[in-house]
Amino acid sequence: MKSLIKLNLVWKIFIAMILGSIVGAIWGPGAESIEFIGTIWLNMIKMFIVPVVIWDQRDERGRRFGRSRCDR
């Protein structure tokens, strides 16, 4: 189990995608009963990404959506 914990995050996501595909192929329409887990996961990612993108639009002085450094 420790070797699984030491895996890179990219590999963990890849393994989860493969396992999700296998579950969907085996259960078929019955896999819709656990669809809420994926929906919650995607909503949490959206809640994290939107503020990060908006915050990234600030420059070092805290101005939002201002002029670029070249326009000074």
C-alpha atoms as a PDB file:
ATOM      1  CA  MET A   1       0.000   0.000   0.000  1.00  0.00           C
ATOM      2  CA  LYS A   2       2.897   2.386   0.644  1.00  0.00           C
ATOM      3  CA  SER A   3       4.052   2.065  -2.951  1.00  0.00           C
ATOM      4  CA  LEU A   4       0.625   3.278  -4.133  1.00  0.00           C
ATOM      5  CA  ILE A   5       0.853   6.307  -1.853  1.00  0.00           C
ATOM      6  CA  LYS A   6       4.289   7.227  -3.237  1.00  0.00           C
ATOM      7  CA  LEU A   7       3.031   7.301  -6.836  1.00  0.00           C
ATOM      8  CA  ASN A   8       3.048  10.587  -8.699  1.00  0.00           C
ATOM      9  CA  LEU A   9      -0.331  12.376  -8.764  1.00  0.00           C
ATOM     10  CA  VAL A  10      -0.499  12.029 -12.553  1.00  0.00           C
ATOM     11  CA  TRP A  11      -0.274   8.243 -12.256  1.00  0.00           C
ATOM     12  CA  LYS A  12      -2.937   8.175  -9.532  1.00  0.00           C
ATOM     13  CA  ILE A  13      -5.311  10.140 -11.775  1.00  0.00           C
ATOM     14  CA  PHE A  14      -4.524   7.870 -14.726  1.00  0.00           C
ATOM     15  CA  ILE A  15      -5.207   4.744 -12.615  1.00  0.00           C
ATOM     16  CA  ALA A  16      -8.496   6.267 -11.405  1.00  0.00           C
ATOM     17  CA  MET A  17      -9.545   6.954 -15.004  1.00  0.00           C
ATOM     18  CA  ILE A  18      -8.776   3.379 -16.020  1.00  0.00           C
ATOM     19  CA  LEU A  19     -10.654   1.965 -13.011  1.00  0.00           C
ATOM     20  CA  GLY A  20     -13.614   4.239 -13.764  1.00  0.00           C
ATOM     21  CA  SER A  21     -13.689   3.006 -17.356  1.00  0.00           C
ATOM     22  CA  ILE A  22     -13.597  -0.598 -16.207  1.00  0.00           C
ATOM     23  CA  VAL A  23     -16.428  -0.034 -13.724  1.00  0.00           C
ATOM     24  CA  GLY A  24     -18.480   1.678 -16.419  1.00  0.00           C
ATOM     25  CA  ALA A  25     -17.856  -1.162 -18.883  1.00  0.00           C
ATOM     26  CA  ILE A  26     -18.754  -3.882 -16.373  1.00  0.00           C
ATOM     27  CA  TRP A  27     -21.750  -2.254 -14.682  1.00  0.00           C
ATOM     28  CA  GLY A  28     -23.020  -0.452 -17.760  1.00  0.00           C
ATOM     29  CA  PRO A  29     -26.180   1.520 -16.956  1.00  0.00           C
ATOM     30  CA  GLY A  30     -25.951   0.397 -13.330  1.00  0.00           C
ATOM     31  CA  ALA A  31     -22.893   2.639 -12.886  1.00  0.00           C
ATOM     32  CA  GLU A  32     -25.242   5.627 -12.951  1.00  0.00           C
ATOM     33  CA  SER A  33     -26.006   4.849  -9.322  1.00  0.00           C
ATOM     34  CA  ILE A  34     -22.567   6.240  -8.365  1.00  0.00           C
ATOM     35  CA  GLU A  35     -22.618   9.106 -10.863  1.00  0.00           C
ATOM     36  CA  PHE A  36     -23.088  11.606  -8.043  1.00  0.00           C
ATOM     37  CA  ILE A  37     -19.480  11.026  -6.936  1.00  0.00           C
ATOM     38  CA  GLY A  38     -18.133  12.254 -10.270  1.00  0.00           C
ATOM     39  CA  THR A  39     -20.550  15.181 -10.303  1.00  0.00           C
ATOM     40  CA  ILE A  40     -19.433  16.291  -6.841  1.00  0.00           C
ATOM     41  CA  TRP A  41     -15.774  15.915  -7.868  1.00  0.00           C
ATOM     42  CA  LEU A  42     -16.185  18.042 -11.007  1.00  0.00           C
ATOM     43  CA  ASN A  43     -18.100  20.731  -9.117  1.00  0.00           C
ATOM     44  CA  MET A  44     -15.326  20.905  -6.513  1.00  0.00           C
ATOM     45  CA  ILE A  45     -12.718  21.311  -9.265  1.00  0.00           C
ATOM     46  CA  LYS A  46     -14.742  24.153 -10.827  1.00  0.00           C
ATOM     47  CA  MET A  47     -15.059  25.876  -7.452  1.00  0.00           C
ATOM     48  CA  PHE A  48     -11.272  25.782  -7.113  1.00  0.00           C
ATOM     49  CA  ILE A  49     -10.240  26.706 -10.662  1.00  0.00           C
ATOM     50  CA  VAL A  50     -12.409  29.803 -11.201  1.00  0.00           C
ATOM     51  CA  PRO A  51     -10.977  31.789  -8.238  1.00  0.00           C
ATOM     52  CA  VAL A  52      -7.434  30.742  -9.178  1.00  0.00           C
ATOM     53  CA  VAL A  53      -7.856  32.001 -12.748  1.00  0.00           C
ATOM     54  CA  ILE A  54      -9.397  35.280 -11.584  1.00  0.00           C
ATOM     55  CA  TRP A  55      -6.676  35.803  -8.963  1.00  0.00           C
ATOM     56  CA  ASP A  56      -4.032  35.102 -11.596  1.00  0.00           C
ATOM     57  CA  GLN A  57      -5.258  38.109 -13.581  1.00  0.00           C
ATOM     58  CA  ARG A  58      -3.838  40.446 -10.925  1.00  0.00           C
ATOM     59  CA  ASP A  59      -0.381  41.917 -11.374  1.00  0.00           C
ATOM     60  CA  GLU A  60       2.226  42.443  -8.653  1.00  0.00           C
ATOM     61  CA  ARG A  61       0.649  45.728  -7.478  1.00  0.00           C
ATOM     62  CA  GLY A  62      -2.780  44.189  -7.063  1.00  0.00           C
ATOM     63  CA  ARG A  63      -4.392  45.825 -10.079  1.00  0.00           C
ATOM     64  CA  ARG A  64      -6.963  43.699 -11.801  1.00  0.00           C
ATOM     65  CA  PHE A  65      -7.100  43.421 -15.574  1.00  0.00           C
ATOM     66  CA  GLY A  66      -4.880  46.480 -15.923  1.00  0.00           C
ATOM     67  CA  ARG A  67      -2.287  47.442 -18.479  1.00  0.00           C
ATOM     68  CA  SER A  68       0.508  45.062 -19.290  1.00  0.00           C
ATOM     69  CA  ARG A  69       4.075  45.818 -18.188  1.00  0.00           C
ATOM     70  CA  CYS A  70       4.981  46.917 -21.707  1.00  0.00           C
ATOM     71  CA  ASP A  71       2.316  49.682 -21.727  1.00  0.00           C
ATOM     72  CA  ARG A  72       3.878  51.680 -18.854  1.00  0.00           C
END
